[in-house]
Amino acid sequence: MVPSGVVTHIAYHFPELEEIVGSFGRAASEEHAPIISVQEHLIIEEYIEDDDYSVDGSFPIETFKVLRQSGTIHHETEGGGSIEVCIEYDNADIFPVLVALDITTGRNHKDSDAGEVEDELEHYMDQIEDAQSGVEKIMNEARSIQNFEVQFHSSTLKMHKTSLRWPLIQIIVLSLAGIVWCYSIQQYLKKRMF
């Protein structure tokens, strides 16, 4: 039983999460990530007519997607009672997962600021790594596009030179053929007529 206003810290560790995320790929990691849900059940037995409570006197379920191997979830109880922690993982039959949980209560958020800062730092580091990989992909695409443009430009220059040469060569060949043909006809006519 947890009194109202107390913070519950749920520290988790999924040692094999990187292997699972790697098997699905980074893009699908959120879709296949395990989920930790926390639900609070009140001590009081009466029904509460408030939108925040369900009919059986329990608070709505808070869910957290697990995208890192380890971290801490902080849940502040709004009413005294029991807390139910559930781990959901849809692909457990394909990829079984080991989980370590450490649930502690009674400390304020101020006492665990260092843990929160560390969690936020890990989150920002993950974002920076994702941004770096995105920039690297963009740079690789830019290099390949630049190489393609260079090849296209050189082939265009070759085609331009070729398009200038061949018509000139054809005109010269046809002119020479015409001159030779005219000379041949003149010679033929001179022999036959005169």
Foldseek 3Di string as FASTA:
>chain_A
DFAAQKKKKKKKFWPCLVVVCVVVDVVCSQVQFKKKKKKFAAPDQQADPDPQADRRRIGDIDMDTDNDRIAMDIDGGHHDGDMDIDIDGPCCVPPPIDMDIDMDMDDDVVVCVVRVVVVVVVVVVVVVVVVVVVVVVVVVVVVVVVVVVVVVVVVVVVVVVVVVPVVVVVVVVVVVVVVVVVVVVVVVCVVPPD
